[in-house]
Amino acid sequence: MHEQWMAKHGRIYKSSTGKEHRLKIFAENLDFIRSFNNNGTRSYKLAINRFADMTNEEFKAFRTGFSKTSEAPDNSSFRYSNVTDVPPSMDWRSKGAVTPIKNQGGCGSCWAFAAVAAIEGIIQIKENILVSLSEQEILACDQGNNGCAGGFAYEAFKYVLDNGGLSTEDDYPYEKANGTCKTVKGGEGGSNYKAKINGRERVPANNESELVKAVVNQPVVFAIDSTGRNFQFYAGGIFTGGCGTVLDHEVTAVGYGEDEYGTKGAFG
């Protein structure tokens, strides 16, 4: 299985000792996944994925990145507080407001990806245009965050506001590294399109009903605890366990609903 996994993911080890070490980790993770899935009462499943030869400590170190670089103030008012039409489910993917899945790689840039996904969603909702936007521009140019060392989507929104917009992915492609901030001039292959936003706002803390009101209207960024092995190997279903309070990863909620057993959850 390890050989097949290596071939599928293009994994090559520098030495036989290194391969033996990774095989041991792979086997331990496989045992954990099988044990979890054999418990038929779970609302979600785990599976071998590209992180299968990594310890949970390694996964946490390279695949997260949420770090508060400022405090998001509480709002004097919440724009969706009076929303009353809340359907039992919502999925912005089916409404064409979510771009294909992206990969942050070994860079702690989740905060930039979360912010960009939210902006892509609101641009599509308001302008009826779905365009993949640049995480790299935020990563390289946003001085309020720390690049691959971590950041905060709330500050990323401030960069987009101050910058007068955000470039497209095609004009400013992702490098999986901090890179050097550059001016996008468009030209051949470039569009010079900039996605503009006119504000940022915090959903009232610890208030699920208000969060639902927000997600009904647009994708919303939120932070989660992704420290557990369950999250590392999550493969589908409503994630209901192994989640603590050490917030280390920012994601974007693009909907919500419930499964056939009545378990409620958000789509991210």
C-alpha atoms as a PDB file:
ATOM      1  CA  MET A   1       0.000   0.000   0.000  1.00  0.00           C
ATOM      2  CA  HIS A   2       2.817   2.395   0.813  1.00  0.00           C
ATOM      3  CA  GLU A   3       4.449   1.795  -2.586  1.00  0.00           C
ATOM      4  CA  GLN A   4       1.141   2.444  -4.341  1.00  0.00           C
ATOM      5  CA  TRP A   5       0.614   5.576  -2.272  1.00  0.00           C
ATOM      6  CA  MET A   6       4.127   6.816  -3.136  1.00  0.00           C
ATOM      7  CA  ALA A   7       3.446   6.344  -6.843  1.00  0.00           C
ATOM      8  CA  LYS A   8       0.082   8.105  -6.657  1.00  0.00           C
ATOM      9  CA  HIS A   9       1.450  11.154  -4.839  1.00  0.00           C
ATOM     10  CA  GLY A  10       4.877  11.275  -6.478  1.00  0.00           C
ATOM     11  CA  ARG A  11       6.653  10.804  -3.151  1.00  0.00           C
ATOM     12  CA  ILE A  12      10.377   9.960  -3.307  1.00  0.00           C
ATOM     13  CA  TYR A  13      12.608   9.526  -0.258  1.00  0.00           C
ATOM     14  CA  LYS A  14      16.296  10.409  -0.181  1.00  0.00           C
ATOM     15  CA  SER A  15      17.398   7.241   1.582  1.00  0.00           C
ATOM     16  CA  SER A  16      16.232   3.774   2.555  1.00  0.00           C
ATOM     17  CA  THR A  17      16.360   4.873   6.190  1.00  0.00           C
ATOM     18  CA  GLY A  18      14.083   7.807   5.441  1.00  0.00           C
ATOM     19  CA  LYS A  19      11.702   5.528   3.558  1.00  0.00           C
ATOM     20  CA  GLU A  20      11.631   3.054   6.447  1.00  0.00           C
ATOM     21  CA  HIS A  21      10.841   5.894   8.874  1.00  0.00           C
ATOM     22  CA  ARG A  22       7.987   7.165   6.699  1.00  0.00           C
ATOM     23  CA  LEU A  23       6.643   3.646   6.187  1.00  0.00           C
ATOM     24  CA  LYS A  24       6.354   3.256   9.953  1.00  0.00           C
ATOM     25  CA  ILE A  25       4.380   6.520  10.215  1.00  0.00           C
ATOM     26  CA  PHE A  26       2.216   5.470   7.251  1.00  0.00           C
ATOM     27  CA  ALA A  27       1.393   2.146   8.922  1.00  0.00           C
ATOM     28  CA  GLU A  28       0.522   3.820  12.230  1.00  0.00           C
ATOM     29  CA  ASN A  29      -1.775   6.278  10.463  1.00  0.00           C
ATOM     30  CA  LEU A  30      -3.407   3.461   8.495  1.00  0.00           C
ATOM     31  CA  ASP A  31      -4.139   1.560  11.713  1.00  0.00           C
ATOM     32  CA  PHE A  32      -5.655   4.705  13.237  1.00  0.00           C
ATOM     33  CA  ILE A  33      -7.886   5.280  10.200  1.00  0.00           C
ATOM     34  CA  ARG A  34      -9.091   1.683  10.053  1.00  0.00           C
ATOM     35  CA  SER A  35      -9.852   1.639  13.775  1.00  0.00           C
ATOM     36  CA  PHE A  36     -11.852   4.856  13.493  1.00  0.00           C
ATOM     37  CA  ASN A  37     -13.856   3.722  10.462  1.00  0.00           C
ATOM     38  CA  ASN A  38     -14.689   0.371  12.037  1.00  0.00           C
ATOM     39  CA  ASN A  39     -16.784   2.253  14.587  1.00  0.00           C
ATOM     40  CA  GLY A  40     -20.070   2.422  12.693  1.00  0.00           C
ATOM     41  CA  THR A  41     -21.595   5.181  14.829  1.00  0.00           C
ATOM     42  CA  ARG A  42     -19.531   7.998  13.299  1.00  0.00           C
ATOM     43  CA  SER A  43     -21.091  10.760  11.186  1.00  0.00           C
ATOM     44  CA  TYR A  44     -17.919  11.077   9.089  1.00  0.00           C
ATOM     45  CA  LYS A  45     -15.150   8.928   7.659  1.00  0.00           C
ATOM     46  CA  LEU A  46     -11.372   9.054   7.479  1.00  0.00           C
ATOM     47  CA  ALA A  47      -9.133   7.947   4.615  1.00  0.00           C
ATOM     48  CA  ILE A  48      -5.523   7.765   3.506  1.00  0.00           C
ATOM     49  CA  ASN A  49      -4.550  11.003   1.744  1.00  0.00           C
ATOM     50  CA  ARG A  50      -1.451  12.981   0.759  1.00  0.00           C
ATOM     51  CA  PHE A  51      -0.607  13.506   4.445  1.00  0.00           C
ATOM     52  CA  ALA A  52      -0.445   9.787   5.249  1.00  0.00           C
ATOM     53  CA  ASP A  53       3.322   9.652   5.882  1.00  0.00           C
ATOM     54  CA  MET A  54       3.296  12.697   8.156  1.00  0.00           C
ATOM     55  CA  THR A  55       2.931  12.745  11.918  1.00  0.00           C
ATOM     56  CA  ASN A  56       0.176  14.931  13.281  1.00  0.00           C
ATOM     57  CA  GLU A  57       2.824  17.358  14.584  1.00  0.00           C
ATOM     58  CA  GLU A  58       4.265  17.708  11.073  1.00  0.00           C
ATOM     59  CA  PHE A  59       0.813  18.203   9.596  1.00  0.00           C
ATOM     60  CA  LYS A  60       0.017  20.960  12.090  1.00  0.00           C
ATOM     61  CA  ALA A  61       3.327  22.721  11.454  1.00  0.00           C
ATOM     62  CA  PHE A  62       3.001  22.960   7.683  1.00  0.00           C
ATOM     63  CA  ARG A  63      -0.683  22.843   6.765  1.00  0.00           C
ATOM     64  CA  THR A  64      -2.337  25.457   8.952  1.00  0.00           C
ATOM     65  CA  GLY A  65      -1.346  29.093   9.538  1.00  0.00           C
ATOM     66  CA  PHE A  66      -4.014  30.963  11.510  1.00  0.00           C
ATOM     67  CA  SER A  67      -2.372  33.554  13.746  1.00  0.00           C
ATOM     68  CA  LYS A  68      -4.113  36.651  15.054  1.00  0.00           C
ATOM     69  CA  THR A  69      -2.116  39.684  13.973  1.00  0.00           C
ATOM     70  CA  SER A  70      -4.782  42.101  15.229  1.00  0.00           C
ATOM     71  CA  GLU A  71      -8.092  42.058  17.088  1.00  0.00           C
ATOM     72  CA  ALA A  72     -11.275  42.097  15.046  1.00  0.00           C
ATOM     73  CA  PRO A  73     -13.529  44.549  16.901  1.00  0.00           C
ATOM     74  CA  ASP A  74     -17.078  43.706  17.861  1.00  0.00           C
ATOM     75  CA  ASN A  75     -19.551  45.516  15.628  1.00  0.00           C
ATOM     76  CA  SER A  76     -22.011  48.055  16.952  1.00  0.00           C
ATOM     77  CA  SER A  77     -24.448  46.476  14.515  1.00  0.00           C
ATOM     78  CA  PHE A  78     -24.544  43.316  12.414  1.00  0.00           C
ATOM     79  CA  ARG A  79     -25.824  43.773   8.885  1.00  0.00           C
ATOM     80  CA  TYR A  80     -27.660  40.446   8.819  1.00  0.00           C
ATOM     81  CA  SER A  81     -29.184  40.617  12.294  1.00  0.00           C
ATOM     82  CA  ASN A  82     -32.690  41.150  10.901  1.00  0.00           C
ATOM     83  CA  VAL A  83     -32.556  38.275   8.419  1.00  0.00           C
ATOM     84  CA  THR A  84     -35.579  36.023   8.962  1.00  0.00           C
ATOM     85  CA  ASP A  85     -35.623  33.907   5.798  1.00  0.00           C
ATOM     86  CA  VAL A  86     -33.200  31.152   6.810  1.00  0.00           C
ATOM     87  CA  PRO A  87     -33.662  27.983   4.717  1.00  0.00           C
ATOM     88  CA  PRO A  88     -32.836  24.549   6.207  1.00  0.00           C
ATOM     89  CA  SER A  89     -29.801  24.314   3.944  1.00  0.00           C
ATOM     90  CA  MET A  90     -27.603  26.511   1.765  1.00  0.00           C
ATOM     91  CA  ASP A  91     -24.765  25.618  -0.612  1.00  0.00           C
ATOM     92  CA  TRP A  92     -22.914  28.393  -2.448  1.00  0.00           C
ATOM     93  CA  ARG A  93     -21.073  25.748  -4.470  1.00  0.00           C
ATOM     94  CA  SER A  94     -24.284  24.773  -6.263  1.00  0.00           C
ATOM     95  CA  LYS A  95     -24.986  28.466  -6.891  1.00  0.00           C
ATOM     96  CA  GLY A  96     -21.675  28.956  -8.698  1.00  0.00           C
ATOM     97  CA  ALA A  97     -20.021  31.164  -6.084  1.00  0.00           C
ATOM     98  CA  VAL A  98     -17.089  28.872  -5.183  1.00  0.00           C
ATOM     99  CA  THR A  99     -13.967  28.249  -7.272  1.00  0.00           C
ATOM    100  CA  PRO A 100     -12.376  24.758  -7.490  1.00  0.00           C
ATOM    101  CA  ILE A 101     -10.432  23.477  -4.455  1.00  0.00           C
ATOM    102  CA  LYS A 102      -6.971  24.978  -4.039  1.00  0.00           C
ATOM    103  CA  ASN A 103      -3.873  23.704  -2.206  1.00  0.00           C
ATOM    104  CA  GLN A 104      -1.853  25.925   0.127  1.00  0.00           C
ATOM    105  CA  GLY A 105       1.071  23.464   0.066  1.00  0.00           C
ATOM    106  CA  GLY A 106       3.679  23.575   2.820  1.00  0.00           C
ATOM    107  CA  CYS A 107       3.045  27.265   3.517  1.00  0.00           C
ATOM    108  CA  GLY A 108       1.036  28.531   6.499  1.00  0.00           C
ATOM    109  CA  SER A 109      -1.215  30.596   4.246  1.00  0.00           C
ATOM    110  CA  CYS A 110      -4.673  29.292   5.170  1.00  0.00           C
ATOM    111  CA  TRP A 111      -5.658  32.813   6.208  1.00  0.00           C
ATOM    112  CA  ALA A 112      -4.997  34.137   2.687  1.00  0.00           C
ATOM    113  CA  PHE A 113      -6.912  31.268   1.047  1.00  0.00           C
ATOM    114  CA  ALA A 114      -9.857  31.758   3.410  1.00  0.00           C
ATOM    115  CA  ALA A 115     -10.009  35.488   2.729  1.00  0.00           C
ATOM    116  CA  VAL A 116      -9.738  34.998  -1.029  1.00  0.00           C
ATOM    117  CA  ALA A 117     -12.496  32.365  -1.078  1.00  0.00           C
ATOM    118  CA  ALA A 118     -14.829  34.753   0.742  1.00  0.00           C
ATOM    119  CA  ILE A 119     -14.008  37.575  -1.682  1.00  0.00           C
ATOM    120  CA  GLU A 120     -14.464  35.308  -4.706  1.00  0.00           C
ATOM    121  CA  GLY A 121     -17.885  34.369  -3.344  1.00  0.00           C
ATOM    122  CA  ILE A 122     -19.165  37.876  -2.686  1.00  0.00           C
ATOM    123  CA  ILE A 123     -17.886  39.112  -6.076  1.00  0.00           C
ATOM    124  CA  GLN A 124     -19.834  36.358  -7.815  1.00  0.00           C
ATOM    125  CA  ILE A 125     -22.960  37.077  -5.772  1.00  0.00           C
ATOM    126  CA  LYS A 126     -22.828  40.824  -6.418  1.00  0.00           C
ATOM    127  CA  GLU A 127     -21.332  40.962  -9.937  1.00  0.00           C
ATOM    128  CA  ASN A 128     -22.271  37.537 -11.330  1.00  0.00           C
ATOM    129  CA  ILE A 129     -18.659  36.781 -12.243  1.00  0.00           C
ATOM    130  CA  LEU A 130     -16.683  33.900 -10.748  1.00  0.00           C
ATOM    131  CA  VAL A 131     -12.946  34.449 -11.035  1.00  0.00           C
ATOM    132  CA  SER A 132     -10.068  32.807  -9.175  1.00  0.00           C
ATOM    133  CA  LEU A 133      -8.230  35.513  -7.236  1.00  0.00           C
ATOM    134  CA  SER A 134      -4.649  35.769  -6.029  1.00  0.00           C
ATOM    135  CA  GLU A 135      -3.605  34.406  -2.652  1.00  0.00           C
ATOM    136  CA  GLN A 136      -0.009  35.170  -3.632  1.00  0.00           C
ATOM    137  CA  GLU A 137      -0.585  38.913  -3.837  1.00  0.00           C
ATOM    138  CA  ILE A 138      -1.889  38.935  -0.267  1.00  0.00           C
ATOM    139  CA  LEU A 139       0.865  36.592   0.896  1.00  0.00           C
ATOM    140  CA  ALA A 140       3.661  38.722  -0.576  1.00  0.00           C
ATOM    141  CA  CYS A 141       2.269  42.230  -0.166  1.00  0.00           C
ATOM    142  CA  ASP A 142       0.177  42.295   3.016  1.00  0.00           C
ATOM    143  CA  GLN A 143       2.424  43.847   5.652  1.00  0.00           C
ATOM    144  CA  GLY A 144      -0.181  43.315   8.377  1.00  0.00           C
ATOM    145  CA  ASN A 145       0.356  39.539   8.294  1.00  0.00           C
ATOM    146  CA  ASN A 146       3.324  37.192   8.360  1.00  0.00           C
ATOM    147  CA  GLY A 147       3.217  35.359   5.057  1.00  0.00           C
ATOM    148  CA  CYS A 148       3.839  31.613   5.325  1.00  0.00           C
ATOM    149  CA  ALA A 149       4.465  32.071   9.059  1.00  0.00           C
ATOM    150  CA  GLY A 150       0.762  32.736   9.604  1.00  0.00           C
ATOM    151  CA  GLY A 151      -1.848  35.445   9.477  1.00  0.00           C
ATOM    152  CA  PHE A 152      -5.411  36.602   9.973  1.00  0.00           C
ATOM    153  CA  ALA A 153      -8.039  36.911   7.238  1.00  0.00           C
ATOM    154  CA  TYR A 154      -9.493  40.024   8.883  1.00  0.00           C
ATOM    155  CA  GLU A 155      -6.175  41.797   8.208  1.00  0.00           C
ATOM    156  CA  ALA A 156      -6.084  40.384   4.681  1.00  0.00           C
ATOM    157  CA  PHE A 157      -9.404  42.103   3.983  1.00  0.00           C
ATOM    158  CA  LYS A 158      -7.823  45.374   5.131  1.00  0.00           C
ATOM    159  CA  TYR A 159      -5.020  44.894   2.613  1.00  0.00           C
ATOM    160  CA  VAL A 160      -7.539  44.430  -0.209  1.00  0.00           C
ATOM    161  CA  LEU A 161      -9.429  47.536   0.914  1.00  0.00           C
ATOM    162  CA  ASP A 162      -6.266  49.680   1.169  1.00  0.00           C
ATOM    163  CA  ASN A 163      -4.896  48.301  -2.101  1.00  0.00           C
ATOM    164  CA  GLY A 164      -8.017  49.153  -4.071  1.00  0.00           C
ATOM    165  CA  GLY A 165      -8.675  45.530  -4.989  1.00  0.00           C
ATOM    166  CA  LEU A 166      -7.087  42.132  -5.558  1.00  0.00           C
ATOM    167  CA  SER A 167      -5.530  40.671  -8.703  1.00  0.00           C
ATOM    168  CA  THR A 168      -6.575  37.434 -10.370  1.00  0.00           C
ATOM    169  CA  GLU A 169      -4.818  34.102  -9.891  1.00  0.00           C
ATOM    170  CA  ASP A 170      -3.766  34.177 -13.557  1.00  0.00           C
ATOM    171  CA  ASP A 171      -2.135  37.594 -13.173  1.00  0.00           C
ATOM    172  CA  TYR A 172      -0.442  36.763  -9.870  1.00  0.00           C
ATOM    173  CA  PRO A 173      -0.130  32.950  -9.484  1.00  0.00           C
ATOM    174  CA  TYR A 174       0.521  31.118  -6.240  1.00  0.00           C
ATOM    175  CA  GLU A 175       4.137  30.194  -5.415  1.00  0.00           C
ATOM    176  CA  LYS A 176       3.722  28.268  -2.109  1.00  0.00           C
ATOM    177  CA  ALA A 177       6.235  30.735  -0.621  1.00  0.00           C
ATOM    178  CA  ASN A 178       6.261  34.338   0.582  1.00  0.00           C
ATOM    179  CA  GLY A 179       7.771  35.697  -2.618  1.00  0.00           C
ATOM    180  CA  THR A 180       8.409  39.361  -3.354  1.00  0.00           C
ATOM    181  CA  CYS A 181       5.596  41.881  -3.668  1.00  0.00           C
ATOM    182  CA  LYS A 182       5.260  43.082  -7.241  1.00  0.00           C
ATOM    183  CA  THR A 183       3.035  45.360  -9.265  1.00  0.00           C
ATOM    184  CA  VAL A 184       0.745  43.522 -11.662  1.00  0.00           C
ATOM    185  CA  LYS A 185       0.701  45.324 -14.991  1.00  0.00           C
ATOM    186  CA  GLY A 186      -1.363  42.910 -17.001  1.00  0.00           C
ATOM    187  CA  GLY A 187      -0.292  42.948 -20.607  1.00  0.00           C
ATOM    188  CA  GLU A 188       0.089  39.703 -22.515  1.00  0.00           C
ATOM    189  CA  GLY A 189      -1.904  37.072 -20.668  1.00  0.00           C
ATOM    190  CA  GLY A 190      -2.816  39.605 -17.987  1.00  0.00           C
ATOM    191  CA  SER A 191      -6.258  41.065 -17.410  1.00  0.00           C
ATOM    192  CA  ASN A 192      -5.558  43.947 -15.003  1.00  0.00           C
ATOM    193  CA  TYR A 193      -8.861  43.008 -13.341  1.00  0.00           C
ATOM    194  CA  LYS A 194      -9.037  43.811  -9.645  1.00  0.00           C
ATOM    195  CA  ALA A 195     -11.763  42.456  -7.389  1.00  0.00           C
ATOM    196  CA  LYS A 196     -12.912  45.237  -5.050  1.00  0.00           C
ATOM    197  CA  ILE A 197     -14.624  45.049  -1.678  1.00  0.00           C
ATOM    198  CA  ASN A 198     -16.074  47.918   0.349  1.00  0.00           C
ATOM    199  CA  GLY A 199     -15.766  46.682   3.917  1.00  0.00           C
ATOM    200  CA  ARG A 200     -15.172  43.923   6.431  1.00  0.00           C
ATOM    201  CA  GLU A 201     -17.300  42.878   9.374  1.00  0.00           C
ATOM    202  CA  ARG A 202     -17.176  40.377  12.211  1.00  0.00           C
ATOM    203  CA  VAL A 203     -19.984  37.919  12.812  1.00  0.00           C
ATOM    204  CA  PRO A 204     -20.998  38.080  16.508  1.00  0.00           C
ATOM    205  CA  ALA A 205     -18.796  35.650  18.435  1.00  0.00           C
ATOM    206  CA  ASN A 206     -20.113  32.298  19.674  1.00  0.00           C
ATOM    207  CA  ASN A 207     -23.481  32.828  18.011  1.00  0.00           C
ATOM    208  CA  GLU A 208     -24.408  30.042  15.624  1.00  0.00           C
ATOM    209  CA  SER A 209     -27.730  31.549  14.566  1.00  0.00           C
ATOM    210  CA  GLU A 210     -26.048  34.788  13.487  1.00  0.00           C
ATOM    211  CA  LEU A 211     -23.390  32.800  11.621  1.00  0.00           C
ATOM    212  CA  VAL A 212     -26.130  30.975   9.729  1.00  0.00           C
ATOM    213  CA  LYS A 213     -27.729  34.320   8.803  1.00  0.00           C
ATOM    214  CA  ALA A 214     -24.395  35.456   7.391  1.00  0.00           C
ATOM    215  CA  VAL A 215     -23.750  32.253   5.416  1.00  0.00           C
ATOM    216  CA  VAL A 216     -27.225  32.487   3.884  1.00  0.00           C
ATOM    217  CA  ASN A 217     -26.035  35.720   2.269  1.00  0.00           C
ATOM    218  CA  GLN A 218     -22.375  34.997   1.465  1.00  0.00           C
ATOM    219  CA  PRO A 219     -19.373  32.756   2.228  1.00  0.00           C
ATOM    220  CA  VAL A 220     -17.877  33.552   5.640  1.00  0.00           C
ATOM    221  CA  VAL A 221     -14.371  33.061   7.075  1.00  0.00           C
ATOM    222  CA  PHE A 222     -13.977  31.360  10.437  1.00  0.00           C
ATOM    223  CA  ALA A 223     -11.208  29.727  12.467  1.00  0.00           C
ATOM    224  CA  ILE A 224     -11.162  26.115  13.648  1.00  0.00           C
ATOM    225  CA  ASP A 225      -9.041  23.727  15.673  1.00  0.00           C
ATOM    226  CA  SER A 226      -7.398  21.389  13.155  1.00  0.00           C
ATOM    227  CA  THR A 227      -4.900  19.833  15.548  1.00  0.00           C
ATOM    228  CA  GLY A 228      -6.338  16.313  15.677  1.00  0.00           C
ATOM    229  CA  ARG A 229      -5.528  13.312  13.515  1.00  0.00           C
ATOM    230  CA  ASN A 230      -9.237  13.062  12.717  1.00  0.00           C
ATOM    231  CA  PHE A 231      -9.034  16.356  10.853  1.00  0.00           C
ATOM    232  CA  GLN A 232      -5.776  15.351   9.158  1.00  0.00           C
ATOM    233  CA  PHE A 233      -7.477  12.342   7.515  1.00  0.00           C
ATOM    234  CA  TYR A 234     -11.059  13.633   7.207  1.00  0.00           C
ATOM    235  CA  ALA A 235     -12.618  12.194   4.036  1.00  0.00           C
ATOM    236  CA  GLY A 236     -16.319  13.068   4.124  1.00  0.00           C
ATOM    237  CA  GLY A 237     -19.461  13.462   6.199  1.00  0.00           C
ATOM    238  CA  ILE A 238     -20.307  15.878   9.031  1.00  0.00           C
ATOM    239  CA  PHE A 239     -17.250  16.412  11.212  1.00  0.00           C
ATOM    240  CA  THR A 240     -18.477  16.165  14.793  1.00  0.00           C
ATOM    241  CA  GLY A 241     -15.544  15.165  16.952  1.00  0.00           C
ATOM    242  CA  GLY A 242     -11.910  15.633  17.760  1.00  0.00           C
ATOM    243  CA  CYS A 243     -12.277  19.403  17.683  1.00  0.00           C
ATOM    244  CA  GLY A 244     -10.905  21.530  20.496  1.00  0.00           C
ATOM    245  CA  THR A 245     -10.364  25.214  21.177  1.00  0.00           C
ATOM    246  CA  VAL A 246      -6.799  25.718  19.916  1.00  0.00           C
ATOM    247  CA  LEU A 247      -7.676  27.765  16.846  1.00  0.00           C
ATOM    248  CA  ASP A 248      -4.944  27.269  14.245  1.00  0.00           C
ATOM    249  CA  HIS A 249      -6.602  27.121  10.829  1.00  0.00           C
ATOM    250  CA  GLU A 250      -8.852  29.521   8.911  1.00  0.00           C
ATOM    251  CA  VAL A 251     -11.390  28.184   6.431  1.00  0.00           C
ATOM    252  CA  THR A 252     -14.419  29.519   4.585  1.00  0.00           C
ATOM    253  CA  ALA A 253     -17.982  28.377   5.252  1.00  0.00           C
ATOM    254  CA  VAL A 254     -19.781  28.116   1.911  1.00  0.00           C
ATOM    255  CA  GLY A 255     -22.993  26.550   3.160  1.00  0.00           C
ATOM    256  CA  TYR A 256     -24.683  24.417   5.797  1.00  0.00           C
ATOM    257  CA  GLY A 257     -27.203  21.615   6.103  1.00  0.00           C
ATOM    258  CA  GLU A 258     -27.711  18.205   7.665  1.00  0.00           C
ATOM    259  CA  ASP A 259     -27.145  14.594   6.695  1.00  0.00           C
ATOM    260  CA  GLU A 260     -29.743  11.839   6.416  1.00  0.00           C
ATOM    261  CA  TYR A 261     -29.429  11.173  10.151  1.00  0.00           C
ATOM    262  CA  GLY A 262     -30.222  14.756  11.131  1.00  0.00           C
ATOM    263  CA  THR A 263     -26.655  15.724  12.028  1.00  0.00           C
ATOM    264  CA  LYS A 264     -26.148  19.411  11.277  1.00  0.00           C
ATOM    265  CA  GLY A 265     -22.950  20.942   9.917  1.00  0.00           C
ATOM    266  CA  ALA A 266     -21.312  23.581   7.745  1.00  0.00           C
ATOM    267  CA  PHE A 267     -19.707  23.173   4.312  1.00  0.00           C
ATOM    268  CA  GLY A 268     -16.178  24.559   4.001  1.00  0.00           C
END
